Amino acid sequence: MANKNYPDIPTRIKAVTIDTIVLVVFLLGASDVFSNQENPEILYKIITFISIFLLYDPVMVSLFGATIGHRFCKIEVQDESSGKKINFIKALIRFVTKAFLGWFSLLSIANSPKKQAIHDSIVNSVVVTFD
């Protein structure tokens, strides 16, 4: 197996920033759709917005190995032992942990040889760079 390169904190912050912008665009799009309806049900709005927020990262990571922000920064999430994409359950656990711990999890990569954040360590994933 070839040596892997692991992205630094600024690269990962850039990816998170891009993903935040993408999420805002998706949420604004959903809001626009609802604003064009006469009397949208509040429950549908809540479900839609929570689904966009909770599913964007895990779906993208499990299907493609990366979010839009990751791809832009040329990084991807892999299973630590196999080097393949992680499954949806691992991606969901990874995202929920990342959301719960926030910056603390991301900053923890400074103390890891593979630059794993806490949310990566929990699901045995690594973030690697690609060309």
C-alpha atoms as a PDB file:
ATOM      1  CA  MET A   1       0.000   0.000   0.000  1.00  0.00           C
ATOM      2  CA  ALA A   2       1.351   3.424  -0.949  1.00  0.00           C
ATOM      3  CA  ASN A   3       2.156   6.035   1.665  1.00  0.00           C
ATOM      4  CA  LYS A   4      -0.807   8.257   2.373  1.00  0.00           C
ATOM      5  CA  ASN A   5      -0.687  11.995   2.795  1.00  0.00           C
ATOM      6  CA  TYR A   6      -2.942  13.473   5.432  1.00  0.00           C
ATOM      7  CA  PRO A   7      -4.285  17.028   5.107  1.00  0.00           C
ATOM      8  CA  ASP A   8      -3.422  19.710   7.637  1.00  0.00           C
ATOM      9  CA  ILE A   9      -5.876  21.684   9.765  1.00  0.00           C
ATOM     10  CA  PRO A  10      -6.157  24.682   7.358  1.00  0.00           C
ATOM     11  CA  THR A  11      -7.094  22.378   4.467  1.00  0.00           C
ATOM     12  CA  ARG A  12      -9.769  20.682   6.544  1.00  0.00           C
ATOM     13  CA  ILE A  13     -11.088  24.048   7.753  1.00  0.00           C
ATOM     14  CA  LYS A  14     -11.309  25.204   4.130  1.00  0.00           C
ATOM     15  CA  ALA A  15     -13.321  22.067   3.270  1.00  0.00           C
ATOM     16  CA  VAL A  16     -15.687  22.658   6.206  1.00  0.00           C
ATOM     17  CA  THR A  17     -16.130  26.286   5.153  1.00  0.00           C
ATOM     18  CA  ILE A  18     -16.997  25.289   1.585  1.00  0.00           C
ATOM     19  CA  ASP A  19     -19.433  22.661   2.869  1.00  0.00           C
ATOM     20  CA  THR A  20     -21.070  25.260   5.102  1.00  0.00           C
ATOM     21  CA  ILE A  21     -21.613  27.478   2.058  1.00  0.00           C
ATOM     22  CA  VAL A  22     -23.035  24.508   0.116  1.00  0.00           C
ATOM     23  CA  LEU A  23     -25.403  23.716   3.001  1.00  0.00           C
ATOM     24  CA  VAL A  24     -26.568  27.340   3.151  1.00  0.00           C
ATOM     25  CA  VAL A  25     -27.278  27.255  -0.599  1.00  0.00           C
ATOM     26  CA  PHE A  26     -29.270  24.004  -0.215  1.00  0.00           C
ATOM     27  CA  LEU A  27     -31.197  25.428   2.748  1.00  0.00           C
ATOM     28  CA  LEU A  28     -31.925  28.675   0.873  1.00  0.00           C
ATOM     29  CA  GLY A  29     -33.117  26.619  -2.104  1.00  0.00           C
ATOM     30  CA  ALA A  30     -35.451  24.626   0.107  1.00  0.00           C
ATOM     31  CA  SER A  31     -36.668  27.828   1.726  1.00  0.00           C
ATOM     32  CA  ASP A  32     -37.385  29.298  -1.714  1.00  0.00           C
ATOM     33  CA  VAL A  33     -39.393  26.204  -2.674  1.00  0.00           C
ATOM     34  CA  PHE A  34     -41.448  26.507   0.509  1.00  0.00           C
ATOM     35  CA  SER A  35     -41.960  30.248   0.054  1.00  0.00           C
ATOM     36  CA  ASN A  36     -43.581  29.575  -3.327  1.00  0.00           C
ATOM     37  CA  GLN A  37     -46.220  27.375  -1.695  1.00  0.00           C
ATOM     38  CA  GLU A  38     -49.397  28.892  -0.370  1.00  0.00           C
ATOM     39  CA  ASN A  39     -49.508  27.275   3.095  1.00  0.00           C
ATOM     40  CA  PRO A  40     -46.598  24.891   3.570  1.00  0.00           C
ATOM     41  CA  GLU A  41     -46.860  22.568   6.554  1.00  0.00           C
ATOM     42  CA  ILE A  42     -44.353  23.511   9.244  1.00  0.00           C
ATOM     43  CA  LEU A  43     -43.619  19.825   9.859  1.00  0.00           C
ATOM     44  CA  TYR A  44     -42.498  19.417   6.230  1.00  0.00           C
ATOM     45  CA  LYS A  45     -40.229  22.429   6.593  1.00  0.00           C
ATOM     46  CA  ILE A  46     -38.682  21.063   9.772  1.00  0.00           C
ATOM     47  CA  ILE A  47     -38.154  17.600   8.283  1.00  0.00           C
ATOM     48  CA  THR A  48     -36.654  19.069   5.108  1.00  0.00           C
ATOM     49  CA  PHE A  49     -34.216  21.380   6.873  1.00  0.00           C
ATOM     50  CA  ILE A  50     -33.118  18.770   9.412  1.00  0.00           C
ATOM     51  CA  SER A  51     -32.710  16.197   6.631  1.00  0.00           C
ATOM     52  CA  ILE A  52     -30.542  18.520   4.556  1.00  0.00           C
ATOM     53  CA  PHE A  53     -28.369  19.340   7.554  1.00  0.00           C
ATOM     54  CA  LEU A  54     -28.073  15.774   8.885  1.00  0.00           C
ATOM     55  CA  LEU A  55     -27.758  13.887   5.615  1.00  0.00           C
ATOM     56  CA  TYR A  56     -25.539  16.025   3.366  1.00  0.00           C
ATOM     57  CA  ASP A  57     -22.207  14.966   4.880  1.00  0.00           C
ATOM     58  CA  PRO A  58     -22.971  11.264   5.590  1.00  0.00           C
ATOM     59  CA  VAL A  59     -24.591  10.647   2.192  1.00  0.00           C
ATOM     60  CA  MET A  60     -21.794  12.348   0.264  1.00  0.00           C
ATOM     61  CA  VAL A  61     -19.026  10.644   2.261  1.00  0.00           C
ATOM     62  CA  SER A  62     -20.590   7.175   2.063  1.00  0.00           C
ATOM     63  CA  LEU A  63     -21.459   7.395  -1.651  1.00  0.00           C
ATOM     64  CA  PHE A  64     -18.511   9.376  -3.003  1.00  0.00           C
ATOM     65  CA  GLY A  65     -15.891   9.305  -0.252  1.00  0.00           C
ATOM     66  CA  ALA A  66     -16.046  13.082   0.031  1.00  0.00           C
ATOM     67  CA  THR A  67     -18.298  16.095   0.303  1.00  0.00           C
ATOM     68  CA  ILE A  68     -18.175  18.944  -2.195  1.00  0.00           C
ATOM     69  CA  GLY A  69     -15.802  20.817   0.132  1.00  0.00           C
ATOM     70  CA  HIS A  70     -13.562  17.756   0.411  1.00  0.00           C
ATOM     71  CA  ARG A  71     -13.416  17.367  -3.381  1.00  0.00           C
ATOM     72  CA  PHE A  72     -12.589  21.031  -3.863  1.00  0.00           C
ATOM     73  CA  CYS A  73      -9.714  20.664  -1.377  1.00  0.00           C
ATOM     74  CA  LYS A  74      -8.625  17.337  -2.896  1.00  0.00           C
ATOM     75  CA  ILE A  75      -9.228  15.287   0.226  1.00  0.00           C
ATOM     76  CA  GLU A  76     -11.384  12.242   0.897  1.00  0.00           C
ATOM     77  CA  VAL A  77     -12.501  10.053   3.778  1.00  0.00           C
ATOM     78  CA  GLN A  78     -11.390   6.431   3.766  1.00  0.00           C
ATOM     79  CA  ASP A  79     -11.689   3.426   6.022  1.00  0.00           C
ATOM     80  CA  GLU A  80      -8.398   3.327   7.921  1.00  0.00           C
ATOM     81  CA  SER A  81      -7.669  -0.345   7.282  1.00  0.00           C
ATOM     82  CA  SER A  82      -9.121  -0.977   3.815  1.00  0.00           C
ATOM     83  CA  GLY A  83      -8.665   2.420   2.164  1.00  0.00           C
ATOM     84  CA  LYS A  84     -12.221   2.196   0.800  1.00  0.00           C
ATOM     85  CA  LYS A  85     -15.186   4.487   1.391  1.00  0.00           C
ATOM     86  CA  ILE A  86     -16.850   4.193   4.772  1.00  0.00           C
ATOM     87  CA  ASN A  87     -20.456   3.003   4.923  1.00  0.00           C
ATOM     88  CA  PHE A  88     -23.429   5.240   5.683  1.00  0.00           C
ATOM     89  CA  ILE A  89     -23.713   4.241   9.366  1.00  0.00           C
ATOM     90  CA  LYS A  90     -20.048   5.065  10.005  1.00  0.00           C
ATOM     91  CA  ALA A  91     -20.407   8.294   8.022  1.00  0.00           C
ATOM     92  CA  LEU A  92     -23.470   9.257  10.082  1.00  0.00           C
ATOM     93  CA  ILE A  93     -21.724   8.496  13.397  1.00  0.00           C
ATOM     94  CA  ARG A  94     -18.688  10.440  12.166  1.00  0.00           C
ATOM     95  CA  PHE A  95     -20.835  13.458  11.250  1.00  0.00           C
ATOM     96  CA  VAL A  96     -22.893  13.478  14.467  1.00  0.00           C
ATOM     97  CA  THR A  97     -19.714  13.247  16.549  1.00  0.00           C
ATOM     98  CA  LYS A  98     -18.103  16.016  14.492  1.00  0.00           C
ATOM     99  CA  ALA A  99     -21.191  18.226  14.893  1.00  0.00           C
ATOM    100  CA  PHE A 100     -21.408  17.520  18.634  1.00  0.00           C
ATOM    101  CA  LEU A 101     -17.716  18.112  19.404  1.00  0.00           C
ATOM    102  CA  GLY A 102     -17.235  20.946  16.914  1.00  0.00           C
ATOM    103  CA  TRP A 103     -13.837  22.601  16.648  1.00  0.00           C
ATOM    104  CA  PHE A 104     -12.461  20.517  19.508  1.00  0.00           C
ATOM    105  CA  SER A 105     -12.653  17.390  17.354  1.00  0.00           C
ATOM    106  CA  LEU A 106     -11.017  19.064  14.364  1.00  0.00           C
ATOM    107  CA  LEU A 107      -8.203  20.595  16.401  1.00  0.00           C
ATOM    108  CA  SER A 108      -7.404  17.172  17.863  1.00  0.00           C
ATOM    109  CA  ILE A 109      -5.707  16.195  14.586  1.00  0.00           C
ATOM    110  CA  ALA A 110      -2.595  18.050  15.722  1.00  0.00           C
ATOM    111  CA  ASN A 111      -1.837  15.230  18.190  1.00  0.00           C
ATOM    112  CA  SER A 112      -2.431  12.340  15.791  1.00  0.00           C
ATOM    113  CA  PRO A 113       0.225  10.780  13.532  1.00  0.00           C
ATOM    114  CA  LYS A 114      -2.422  10.162  10.845  1.00  0.00           C
ATOM    115  CA  LYS A 115      -3.995  13.557  11.566  1.00  0.00           C
ATOM    116  CA  GLN A 116      -7.216  11.873  12.663  1.00  0.00           C
ATOM    117  CA  ALA A 117      -9.830  13.994  14.342  1.00  0.00           C
ATOM    118  CA  ILE A 118     -11.792  12.432  17.201  1.00  0.00           C
ATOM    119  CA  HIS A 119     -14.709  11.826  14.831  1.00  0.00           C
ATOM    120  CA  ASP A 120     -12.361   9.908  12.489  1.00  0.00           C
ATOM    121  CA  SER A 121     -10.862   7.820  15.284  1.00  0.00           C
ATOM    122  CA  ILE A 122     -14.294   6.748  16.534  1.00  0.00           C
ATOM    123  CA  VAL A 123     -15.213   5.144  13.173  1.00  0.00           C
ATOM    124  CA  ASN A 124     -11.674   4.136  12.156  1.00  0.00           C
ATOM    125  CA  SER A 125     -11.510   6.502   9.214  1.00  0.00           C
ATOM    126  CA  VAL A 126      -8.755   8.738   7.887  1.00  0.00           C
ATOM    127  CA  VAL A 127      -8.855  11.791   5.678  1.00  0.00           C
ATOM    128  CA  VAL A 128      -6.277  11.639   2.891  1.00  0.00           C
ATOM    129  CA  THR A 129      -5.179  13.897   0.079  1.00  0.00           C
ATOM    130  CA  PHE A 130      -5.383  12.904  -3.577  1.00  0.00           C
ATOM    131  CA  ASP A 131      -4.140  14.369  -6.875  1.00  0.00           C
END
